[in-house]
Amino acid sequence: MAASTRPSTKTTKNAERPRARGRQPTFDRNEALDVALELFWRHGYDGVSIADLTKAIGIAAPSLYHAFGSKADLYREVLRRYGTIGITVDEIAAAPTSLEAARQMLARGIAAVTMPGRPLGCMISNGMLMTSAENADLAAELKAIRAASREALRRRIARDIKEGLLPEKTDAAALARLVSALLQGISVQALDGATAAELSSVAALALKAWPAMKTAPAAAK
């Protein structure tokens, strides 16, 4: 018997239906970032695996890579999200005086590391201080974020020196680094159980070392 020239049903169906491409499940991106933020904040970058992320977010690994690129890229996006909690470089520059900028940095830092219901400590102040060599580039990015904040305060201090509000011999770089060191110490103290009130007392005491600020001259009429 000659073979039938009619294509089989199975062949026809296969020809009409494209091969599945691993359709990505839908999920809320903002909710996923919030979950990732909580994990990275609580456990650090090295302490969170792809399996941890996919389980907590409720998606498969391919979906996570499709949405965020990589674990490192997801961490970078989380850092940008976390950065809205603290004071920005622009806010430091816009503060009426360098002393007020320092006060705001410390106050916002204390609030960030002691928020009820959130992990203690600061992702940026103490993030990736010790990490593996393969994550050196990411650690350098965090270092640059800390440096940018410190440099913004140094410039604000230098402006007060130039305008005569601070003594000419004031060491702007050392003063800015003092505040940076306080922020990192505050983060560690919060992890050790220090309360917001206790940390605020420490900040107030430290700021007594700030050089005496002169009153800005009144604008000419």
Foldseek 3Di string as FASTA:
>chain_A
DDDDPDDDPVVVVPVVDDDDDCDFDDDDPVVLLVQVLQVCLAQNLVRADLVNSCVSRVGDSVNVCVVQVDSLSSVVVSVVVLVVQADDLVNCLPDPALLVSLLRRLLSLLCSQAPPPGHHFDCLLPHCPDDDPVCVVSVVVSVVRLVSNLVSSLVRNVVQCVQVFFPVPDDSNVVSVLSSVLSSVSRVVVVVPDHSVRSNVVSVVSSVPPGHTDDRDDDDD
